[in-house]
């Protein structure tokens, strides 16, 4: 019997996800080894503080504060980059790839900003780069796009890609509590990133959406080109009004491509979605993704989008693919052929202009409670060819004020943006109009 090959793994970062990966490989390593026909050795993990107490059993000899002890160790085959951030992570990842190593990552911001550079480095130096854990935690969306649904062209991909924002909106709806109250709870539960803008302002979901857009359409879209809005402005009044109109509010990432015009749009924003849509029932910290392909039709995936175990599951899946790649039994995740395929599907694709992005909208206005205001609002909308579909008027907590809440018929982003600016200039409108998209 030939001796099993030993595959050595090093971790850059040993926080929540890193410890989860270590724990689950320790617990399930024998089953993985039998399946893969190798011996798996957890060689070393980089930590910031050697003295810190950790929830997993790990020999002190396997810990180091020196990142290069993992990156430049010639015996380590697979480097798991789980440290977060971009600049230092980029430098270390490139060094690992330059040494022909395979890198596994959960770092969506890094891929969003430097994916093309990293893929080229992996190809040039004969390594490999796997990134399943960067999007939607335990949902294997990258494999689905790259392998399971490879025969499809996707006119639409949309989903809930941030569990923290979904948790906040779910509890606001269920309990009728304010955004600030639920945010405080989410912080105490450890659901909110240290940089809160990632969760609350949509940046985390935007990074993931950029990766999905690349996989589906072969084009890296800069975050500056995304319609990006977070959930901070949403009130319980909006959630109640949405319910009256037959909707729930979710932070959605929406990627659309019109194959007739070859226009693509990408938006991340709180959105009204019909109660009949399965996505409206994806609650708490769960993620959901819908893919509309020309061959398979709609495919809907749901699962835990974050947390130690869900993300560790995706990282270990990539480690398994890395080991299969080392054995020469699998395709190269960032091969020249794969990159060429992305170039082919991206040919002629251009970003849609605001006037070319069609949809319907929800508007909330705080106005003076006096005669003629409704007429003024209607005139502004008519001037921009924005047609009002439904309207609700509610009393405001402020004296002599009212809330006007309405939805529009189909229009476009430019027209609604011009409408909001014009409404804001009216003396009868007391604060900036609050706008949400309606998913259809």
Protein backbone atom coordinates (compact mmCIF):
# COMPACT_ATOMS: atom_id res chain seq x y z
CA UNK A 1 0.00 0.00 0.00
CA UNK A 2 1.36 3.39 -0.98
CA UNK A 3 1.73 5.95 1.77
CA UNK A 4 -0.88 8.70 1.86
CA UNK A 5 0.28 12.15 0.84
CA UNK A 6 0.18 14.76 3.60
CA UNK A 7 -1.56 18.06 2.76
CA UNK A 8 -0.50 20.83 5.09
CA UNK A 9 -2.79 23.76 5.83
CA UNK A 10 -1.93 27.16 7.32
CA UNK A 11 -4.36 29.82 8.50
CA UNK A 12 -3.85 33.57 8.21
CA UNK A 13 -6.19 34.74 10.94
CA UNK A 14 -7.65 32.76 13.81
CA UNK A 15 -10.78 34.64 14.76
CA UNK A 16 -14.33 33.27 14.71
CA UNK A 17 -14.11 31.70 11.23
CA UNK A 18 -10.53 30.48 11.60
CA UNK A 19 -11.34 28.70 14.84
CA UNK A 20 -14.43 27.19 13.23
CA UNK A 21 -12.37 25.80 10.36
CA UNK A 22 -9.78 24.36 12.78
CA UNK A 23 -12.48 22.85 15.02
CA UNK A 24 -14.42 21.16 12.24
CA UNK A 25 -11.34 19.75 10.51
CA UNK A 26 -10.17 18.40 13.87
CA UNK A 27 -13.58 16.81 14.47
CA UNK A 28 -14.23 15.52 10.94
CA UNK A 29 -10.71 15.14 9.62
CA UNK A 30 -10.73 11.35 9.46
CA UNK A 31 -13.84 11.28 7.28
CA UNK A 32 -12.33 13.89 4.96
CA UNK A 33 -9.08 11.94 4.76
CA UNK A 34 -10.89 8.72 3.83
CA UNK A 35 -12.84 10.54 1.14
CA UNK A 36 -9.80 12.28 -0.33
CA UNK A 37 -7.14 9.60 0.20
CA UNK A 38 -4.71 11.99 1.90
CA UNK A 39 -3.56 12.91 5.38
CA UNK A 40 -4.62 16.45 6.38
CA UNK A 41 -2.36 18.33 8.77
CA UNK A 42 -3.37 21.61 10.38
CA UNK A 43 0.13 23.05 10.48
CA UNK A 44 0.01 26.61 11.78
CA UNK A 45 -2.36 29.50 12.55
CA UNK A 46 -1.45 33.20 12.68
CA UNK A 47 -2.86 35.11 15.66
CA UNK A 48 -2.56 38.68 16.89
CA UNK A 49 -2.25 37.68 20.56
CA UNK A 50 -0.55 34.44 21.61
CA UNK A 51 -1.90 34.66 25.17
CA UNK A 52 -5.56 35.04 24.25
CA UNK A 53 -7.88 32.25 25.40
CA UNK A 54 -9.64 30.46 22.55
CA UNK A 55 -12.63 28.18 22.25
CA UNK A 56 -10.76 25.49 20.30
CA UNK A 57 -7.97 23.15 21.38
CA UNK A 58 -4.73 24.08 19.66
CA UNK A 59 -1.14 23.45 20.66
CA UNK A 60 0.79 26.64 21.40
CA UNK A 61 3.51 25.39 19.04
CA UNK A 62 1.05 25.70 16.16
CA UNK A 63 0.39 29.40 16.84
CA UNK A 64 2.48 32.27 15.51
CA UNK A 65 2.24 36.02 15.16
CA UNK A 66 4.33 35.93 11.97
CA UNK A 67 2.24 35.83 8.77
CA UNK A 68 5.28 34.89 6.71
CA UNK A 69 5.69 31.74 8.78
CA UNK A 70 2.64 30.48 6.89
CA UNK A 71 3.01 32.25 3.55
CA UNK A 72 6.67 31.32 3.02
CA UNK A 73 6.71 27.86 4.59
CA UNK A 74 7.55 25.59 1.61
CA UNK A 75 5.77 22.65 3.24
CA UNK A 76 2.39 24.38 3.55
CA UNK A 77 0.22 23.55 0.53
CA UNK A 78 -2.98 25.46 1.28
CA UNK A 79 -3.15 28.94 2.82
CA UNK A 80 -6.51 30.01 4.27
CA UNK A 81 -6.72 33.82 4.31
CA UNK A 82 -9.26 34.57 7.04
CA UNK A 83 -7.86 37.83 8.39
CA UNK A 84 -10.17 40.37 6.72
CA UNK A 85 -9.22 43.81 5.48
CA UNK A 86 -7.71 44.42 2.07
CA UNK A 87 -4.21 45.90 1.91
CA UNK A 88 -2.28 43.51 4.16
CA UNK A 89 -4.43 40.60 3.00
CA UNK A 90 -3.65 41.49 -0.62
CA UNK A 91 0.10 41.59 0.00
CA UNK A 92 0.11 38.25 1.79
CA UNK A 93 -2.20 36.56 -0.72
CA UNK A 94 -0.03 37.68 -3.64
CA UNK A 95 3.10 36.40 -1.85
CA UNK A 96 1.44 33.03 -1.29
CA UNK A 97 0.29 32.80 -4.92
CA UNK A 98 3.73 33.82 -6.17
CA UNK A 99 5.07 30.76 -4.36
CA UNK A 100 2.63 28.53 -6.22
CA UNK A 101 0.43 27.90 -3.21
CA UNK A 102 -3.32 27.41 -3.22
CA UNK A 103 -5.18 30.14 -1.35
CA UNK A 104 -8.67 29.78 0.12
CA UNK A 105 -10.41 32.95 1.27
CA UNK A 106 -13.60 34.31 2.80
CA UNK A 107 -12.59 37.92 2.04
CA UNK A 108 -15.29 39.40 -0.22
CA UNK A 109 -13.93 42.96 -0.04
CA UNK A 110 -10.51 41.76 -1.23
CA UNK A 111 -11.97 39.87 -4.20
CA UNK A 112 -14.34 42.71 -5.07
CA UNK A 113 -11.47 45.21 -5.23
CA UNK A 114 -8.60 43.02 -6.49
CA UNK A 115 -10.14 39.87 -7.96
CA UNK A 116 -8.70 40.29 -11.43
CA UNK A 117 -5.17 40.83 -10.08
CA UNK A 118 -5.41 37.83 -7.77
CA UNK A 119 -6.77 35.50 -10.45
CA UNK A 120 -3.93 36.51 -12.80
CA UNK A 121 -1.34 35.85 -10.08
CA UNK A 122 -2.77 32.39 -9.42
CA UNK A 123 -2.60 31.50 -13.13
CA UNK A 124 0.85 32.96 -13.64
CA UNK A 125 2.48 31.08 -10.78
CA UNK A 126 0.63 27.77 -11.06
CA UNK A 127 -1.35 28.09 -7.84
CA UNK A 128 -5.09 28.28 -7.36
CA UNK A 129 -7.58 30.57 -5.64
CA UNK A 130 -10.88 29.45 -4.10
CA UNK A 131 -13.43 31.85 -2.64
CA UNK A 132 -16.75 30.06 -1.99
CA UNK A 133 -16.92 31.44 1.57
CA UNK A 134 -16.82 35.05 0.32
CA UNK A 135 -20.53 35.08 -0.63
CA UNK A 136 -23.57 33.88 1.35
CA UNK A 137 -21.80 31.77 3.97
CA UNK A 138 -23.10 28.21 3.86
CA UNK A 139 -24.95 28.61 0.55
CA UNK A 140 -22.69 27.18 -2.20
CA UNK A 141 -23.66 29.91 -4.65
CA UNK A 142 -20.27 30.20 -6.37
CA UNK A 143 -20.21 26.49 -7.19
CA UNK A 144 -23.80 26.72 -8.40
CA UNK A 145 -22.90 29.54 -10.81
CA UNK A 146 -19.54 28.14 -11.88
CA UNK A 147 -20.56 24.49 -12.18
CA UNK A 148 -24.19 23.52 -11.49
CA UNK A 149 -25.84 26.13 -13.71
CA UNK A 150 -22.97 26.72 -16.13
CA UNK A 151 -25.28 26.16 -19.13
CA UNK A 152 -27.43 29.17 -18.24
CA UNK A 153 -27.46 32.84 -19.08
CA UNK A 154 -28.87 34.84 -16.17
CA UNK A 155 -31.24 37.70 -16.87
CA UNK A 156 -31.73 38.28 -13.16
CA UNK A 157 -30.03 37.38 -9.90
CA UNK A 158 -31.38 38.84 -6.68
CA UNK A 159 -31.15 38.07 -3.03
CA UNK A 160 -30.57 38.82 0.62
CA UNK A 161 -26.80 38.75 1.08
CA UNK A 162 -26.36 40.30 4.53
CA UNK A 163 -27.69 38.48 7.57
CA UNK A 164 -27.30 41.40 10.00
CA UNK A 165 -29.51 43.79 8.04
CA UNK A 166 -32.04 40.99 7.54
CA UNK A 167 -32.07 40.28 11.27
CA UNK A 168 -32.72 43.95 12.05
CA UNK A 169 -35.54 44.32 9.51
CA UNK A 170 -37.12 41.03 10.60
CA UNK A 171 -37.27 42.08 14.24
CA UNK A 172 -38.52 45.57 13.39
CA UNK A 173 -41.39 43.94 11.52
CA UNK A 174 -42.20 41.29 14.12
CA UNK A 175 -41.93 43.45 17.22
CA UNK A 176 -42.71 46.94 15.97
CA UNK A 177 -39.52 48.26 17.54
CA UNK A 178 -37.32 51.02 16.14
CA UNK A 179 -34.17 50.57 14.08
CA UNK A 180 -32.05 52.00 16.93
CA UNK A 181 -33.48 49.56 19.48
CA UNK A 182 -32.89 46.46 17.36
CA UNK A 183 -29.43 47.69 16.32
CA UNK A 184 -28.45 47.87 19.99
CA UNK A 185 -29.50 44.23 20.45
CA UNK A 186 -27.67 43.17 17.29
CA UNK A 187 -24.47 44.79 18.57
CA UNK A 188 -24.78 42.99 21.91
CA UNK A 189 -25.27 39.66 20.10
CA UNK A 190 -22.13 40.29 18.03
CA UNK A 191 -24.01 40.36 14.73
CA UNK A 192 -22.69 43.75 13.61
CA UNK A 193 -19.25 44.17 12.03
CA UNK A 194 -16.74 46.42 13.78
CA UNK A 195 -17.10 48.68 10.75
CA UNK A 196 -20.89 49.02 10.95
CA UNK A 197 -21.18 50.60 7.50
CA UNK A 198 -20.49 47.16 6.01
CA UNK A 199 -23.80 45.86 7.37
CA UNK A 200 -25.94 48.98 7.75
CA UNK A 201 -24.98 50.88 4.60
CA UNK A 202 -24.98 47.91 2.25
CA UNK A 203 -21.24 47.59 1.56
CA UNK A 204 -21.00 43.94 2.61
CA UNK A 205 -23.84 42.97 0.28
CA UNK A 206 -22.36 45.15 -2.48
CA UNK A 207 -18.99 43.35 -2.33
CA UNK A 208 -20.77 40.01 -2.64
CA UNK A 209 -22.99 41.25 -5.47
CA UNK A 210 -19.94 42.38 -7.45
CA UNK A 211 -18.52 38.86 -7.21
CA UNK A 212 -21.82 37.31 -8.35
CA UNK A 213 -22.03 39.76 -11.26
CA UNK A 214 -18.54 38.76 -12.36
CA UNK A 215 -19.32 35.06 -12.19
CA UNK A 216 -22.60 35.45 -14.08
CA UNK A 217 -21.59 38.11 -16.60
CA UNK A 218 -17.80 38.19 -16.72
CA UNK A 219 -17.47 41.84 -15.78
CA UNK A 220 -16.06 43.46 -12.65
CA UNK A 221 -18.37 46.33 -11.70
CA UNK A 222 -16.85 49.05 -9.55
CA UNK A 223 -18.73 49.72 -6.32
CA UNK A 224 -18.91 53.39 -7.34
CA UNK A 225 -21.20 52.32 -10.20
CA UNK A 226 -23.66 50.49 -7.94
CA UNK A 227 -26.96 51.96 -6.74
CA UNK A 228 -26.04 51.55 -3.08
CA UNK A 229 -28.24 52.35 -0.10
CA UNK A 230 -28.46 50.92 3.40
CA UNK A 231 -31.21 50.40 5.96
CA UNK A 232 -30.60 53.24 8.42
CA UNK A 233 -33.50 55.38 7.19
CA UNK A 234 -36.20 52.70 7.48
CA UNK A 235 -38.86 53.30 10.11
CA UNK A 236 -41.59 51.13 11.61
CA UNK A 237 -43.98 53.36 9.66
CA UNK A 238 -42.36 52.21 6.40
CA UNK A 239 -42.64 48.57 7.44
CA UNK A 240 -46.31 48.99 8.38
CA UNK A 241 -47.10 50.87 5.16
CA UNK A 242 -45.30 48.26 3.07
CA UNK A 243 -47.46 45.60 4.71
CA UNK A 244 -50.61 47.59 3.86
CA UNK A 245 -49.49 47.63 0.22
CA UNK A 246 -48.84 43.85 0.29
CA UNK A 247 -45.03 43.93 0.71
CA UNK A 248 -42.17 43.34 3.14
CA UNK A 249 -38.95 45.36 3.18
CA UNK A 250 -35.69 43.48 2.58
CA UNK A 251 -32.18 44.68 1.75
CA UNK A 252 -31.79 43.16 -1.71
CA UNK A 253 -28.90 42.89 -4.11
CA UNK A 254 -30.32 42.91 -7.64
CA UNK A 255 -28.32 42.12 -10.78
CA UNK A 256 -30.17 42.43 -14.10
CA UNK A 257 -28.99 41.95 -17.66
CA UNK A 258 -31.05 42.64 -20.77
CA UNK A 259 -29.57 40.34 -23.41
CA UNK A 260 -31.31 42.27 -26.19
CA UNK A 261 -29.60 45.58 -25.40
CA UNK A 262 -26.68 43.97 -23.48
CA UNK A 263 -27.21 46.42 -20.62
CA UNK A 264 -26.44 45.39 -17.04
CA UNK A 265 -27.45 47.02 -13.77
CA UNK A 266 -26.51 46.26 -10.19
CA UNK A 267 -28.20 47.70 -7.14
CA UNK A 268 -28.09 47.06 -3.39
CA UNK A 269 -30.88 48.79 -1.52
CA UNK A 270 -33.83 48.23 0.84
CA UNK A 271 -36.64 47.04 -1.39
CA UNK A 272 -40.34 46.28 -1.13
CA UNK A 273 -40.92 42.67 -2.14
CA UNK A 274 -44.34 41.03 -2.49
CA UNK A 275 -45.53 38.83 0.38
CA UNK A 276 -46.16 36.07 -2.17
CA UNK A 277 -42.47 35.99 -3.16
CA UNK A 278 -40.46 33.27 -1.37
CA UNK A 279 -37.71 35.81 -0.68
CA UNK A 280 -40.05 37.74 1.63
CA UNK A 281 -40.05 34.71 3.94
CA UNK A 282 -36.26 34.59 4.32
CA UNK A 283 -35.92 36.07 7.80
CA UNK A 284 -33.50 36.61 10.68
CA UNK A 285 -29.81 35.98 9.85
CA UNK A 286 -30.61 33.79 6.83
CA UNK A 287 -29.59 34.63 3.27
CA UNK A 288 -31.55 33.80 0.12
CA UNK A 289 -30.58 33.96 -3.55
CA UNK A 290 -32.73 33.58 -6.66
CA UNK A 291 -31.15 32.92 -10.06
CA UNK A 292 -33.22 33.19 -13.23
CA UNK A 293 -31.52 31.20 -15.99
CA UNK A 294 -32.61 30.74 -19.58
CA UNK A 295 -32.24 26.94 -19.32
CA UNK A 296 -33.09 26.00 -15.72
CA UNK A 297 -35.59 28.77 -15.00
CA UNK A 298 -35.63 29.99 -11.41
CA UNK A 299 -33.35 28.40 -8.84
CA UNK A 300 -33.85 29.48 -5.24
CA UNK A 301 -31.29 28.87 -2.49
CA UNK A 302 -31.57 29.69 1.19
CA UNK A 303 -29.30 29.10 4.17
CA UNK A 304 -27.26 30.71 6.91
CA UNK A 305 -25.31 33.54 5.36
CA UNK A 306 -22.85 34.17 8.15
CA UNK A 307 -21.60 32.87 11.47
CA UNK A 308 -18.78 30.56 12.43
CA UNK A 309 -20.19 27.25 11.27
CA UNK A 310 -21.79 28.37 7.99
CA UNK A 311 -18.67 30.20 6.84
CA UNK A 312 -16.35 27.44 8.08
CA UNK A 313 -18.41 24.96 6.07
CA UNK A 314 -17.75 26.95 2.89
CA UNK A 315 -14.04 27.33 3.68
CA UNK A 316 -13.67 23.59 4.25
CA UNK A 317 -15.50 22.90 1.00
CA UNK A 318 -12.86 25.00 -0.76
CA UNK A 319 -10.07 23.21 1.13
CA UNK A 320 -11.46 19.93 -0.22
CA UNK A 321 -11.47 21.38 -3.77
CA UNK A 322 -7.91 22.60 -3.18
CA UNK A 323 -6.79 19.10 -2.21
CA UNK A 324 -8.53 17.60 -5.25
CA UNK A 325 -6.78 20.22 -7.37
CA UNK A 326 -3.40 19.25 -5.89
CA UNK A 327 -4.16 15.66 -6.86
CA UNK A 328 -4.76 16.82 -10.44
CA UNK A 329 -8.36 15.61 -10.47
CA UNK A 330 -10.26 18.89 -10.81
CA UNK A 331 -10.39 21.91 -13.06
CA UNK A 332 -8.48 25.03 -12.13
CA UNK A 333 -10.85 27.50 -10.43
CA UNK A 334 -9.20 30.51 -12.10
CA UNK A 335 -7.82 28.79 -15.21
CA UNK A 336 -7.07 30.59 -18.46
CA UNK A 337 -10.05 28.77 -19.99
CA UNK A 338 -12.35 30.01 -17.22
CA UNK A 339 -11.13 33.59 -17.62
CA UNK A 340 -11.58 33.36 -21.39
CA UNK A 341 -15.13 32.11 -20.85
CA UNK A 342 -15.84 35.17 -18.70
CA UNK A 343 -14.46 37.42 -21.42
CA UNK A 344 -16.81 35.82 -23.92
CA UNK A 345 -19.94 36.29 -21.80
CA UNK A 346 -18.97 39.90 -21.04
CA UNK A 347 -18.56 40.95 -24.68
CA UNK A 348 -20.46 44.12 -25.47
CA UNK A 349 -21.86 44.49 -21.95
CA UNK A 350 -22.36 48.09 -20.84
CA UNK A 351 -23.77 49.56 -17.64
CA UNK A 352 -27.35 50.73 -17.91
CA UNK A 353 -27.94 54.47 -17.45
CA UNK A 354 -30.43 55.61 -14.79
CA UNK A 355 -32.96 56.37 -17.53
CA UNK A 356 -32.65 52.74 -18.70
CA UNK A 357 -33.28 51.17 -15.29
CA UNK A 358 -37.00 50.54 -15.09
CA UNK A 359 -39.01 49.98 -11.95
CA UNK A 360 -41.70 51.18 -9.59
CA UNK A 361 -41.11 52.98 -6.33
CA UNK A 362 -42.32 53.79 -2.80
CA UNK A 363 -42.13 57.37 -1.51
CA UNK A 364 -42.72 58.72 1.98
CA UNK A 365 -43.16 62.48 2.40
CA UNK A 366 -43.57 64.55 5.53
CA UNK A 367 -45.74 67.49 4.48
CA UNK A 368 -47.67 70.41 5.92
CA UNK A 369 -51.21 69.37 6.79
CA UNK A 370 -52.99 72.03 4.74
CA UNK A 371 -55.17 72.26 1.61
CA UNK A 372 -53.50 72.03 -1.80
CA UNK A 373 -50.51 69.89 -0.80
CA UNK A 374 -51.77 66.77 -2.53
CA UNK A 375 -52.29 68.77 -5.70
CA UNK A 376 -48.73 70.15 -5.56
CA UNK A 377 -47.28 66.67 -5.11
CA UNK A 378 -49.36 65.27 -7.97
CA UNK A 379 -48.25 68.11 -10.27
CA UNK A 380 -44.55 67.48 -9.57
CA UNK A 381 -44.98 63.76 -10.27
CA UNK A 382 -46.93 64.43 -13.48
CA UNK A 383 -44.25 66.81 -14.75
CA UNK A 384 -41.68 63.97 -14.52
CA UNK A 385 -44.13 61.45 -16.05
CA UNK A 386 -44.32 59.59 -12.75
CA UNK A 387 -47.78 58.12 -12.20
CA UNK A 388 -49.04 57.49 -8.65
CA UNK A 389 -50.48 54.00 -8.15
CA UNK A 390 -51.64 54.02 -4.50
CA UNK A 391 -51.51 56.54 -1.68
CA UNK A 392 -51.95 56.52 2.10
CA UNK A 393 -52.12 59.63 4.30
CA UNK A 394 -51.26 59.30 7.98
CA UNK A 395 -51.14 61.75 10.84
CA UNK A 396 -47.66 62.83 11.90
CA UNK A 397 -46.37 63.07 15.46
CA UNK A 398 -45.54 66.69 14.67
CA UNK A 399 -48.37 69.21 14.86
CA UNK A 400 -49.81 70.51 11.58
CA UNK A 401 -47.96 67.80 9.60
CA UNK A 402 -48.89 64.59 7.83
CA UNK A 403 -47.18 61.65 6.17
CA UNK A 404 -47.97 60.99 2.53
CA UNK A 405 -46.95 57.51 1.46
CA UNK A 406 -47.44 56.38 -2.11
CA UNK A 407 -46.30 53.89 -4.70
CA UNK A 408 -45.75 54.60 -8.38
CA UNK A 409 -46.50 52.83 -11.60
CA UNK A 410 -43.51 51.77 -13.71
CA UNK A 411 -41.02 54.56 -14.40
CA UNK A 412 -37.22 54.83 -14.39
CA UNK A 413 -34.43 55.79 -11.98
CA UNK A 414 -33.75 59.16 -13.59
CA UNK A 415 -37.40 60.21 -13.52
CA UNK A 416 -37.87 59.23 -9.88
CA UNK A 417 -34.60 60.92 -8.87
CA UNK A 418 -35.72 64.15 -10.57
CA UNK A 419 -39.10 63.81 -8.84
CA UNK A 420 -37.50 63.48 -5.39
CA UNK A 421 -35.36 66.59 -5.99
CA UNK A 422 -38.38 68.60 -7.14
CA UNK A 423 -40.53 67.46 -4.23
CA UNK A 424 -37.79 68.37 -1.78
CA UNK A 425 -37.84 71.95 -3.08
CA UNK A 426 -41.56 72.41 -2.28
CA UNK A 427 -42.23 74.59 0.77
CA UNK A 428 -44.97 72.17 1.77
CA UNK A 429 -42.53 69.23 2.02
CA UNK A 430 -40.86 69.38 5.43
CA UNK A 431 -37.95 66.93 4.98
CA UNK A 432 -36.17 65.04 2.24
CA UNK A 433 -38.50 62.47 0.64
CA UNK A 434 -37.66 58.88 1.55
CA UNK A 435 -37.45 56.56 -1.46
CA UNK A 436 -37.52 52.77 -1.71
CA UNK A 437 -37.58 50.51 -4.77
CA UNK A 438 -40.31 47.95 -5.39
CA UNK A 439 -39.14 44.58 -6.69
CA UNK A 440 -41.09 43.16 -9.60
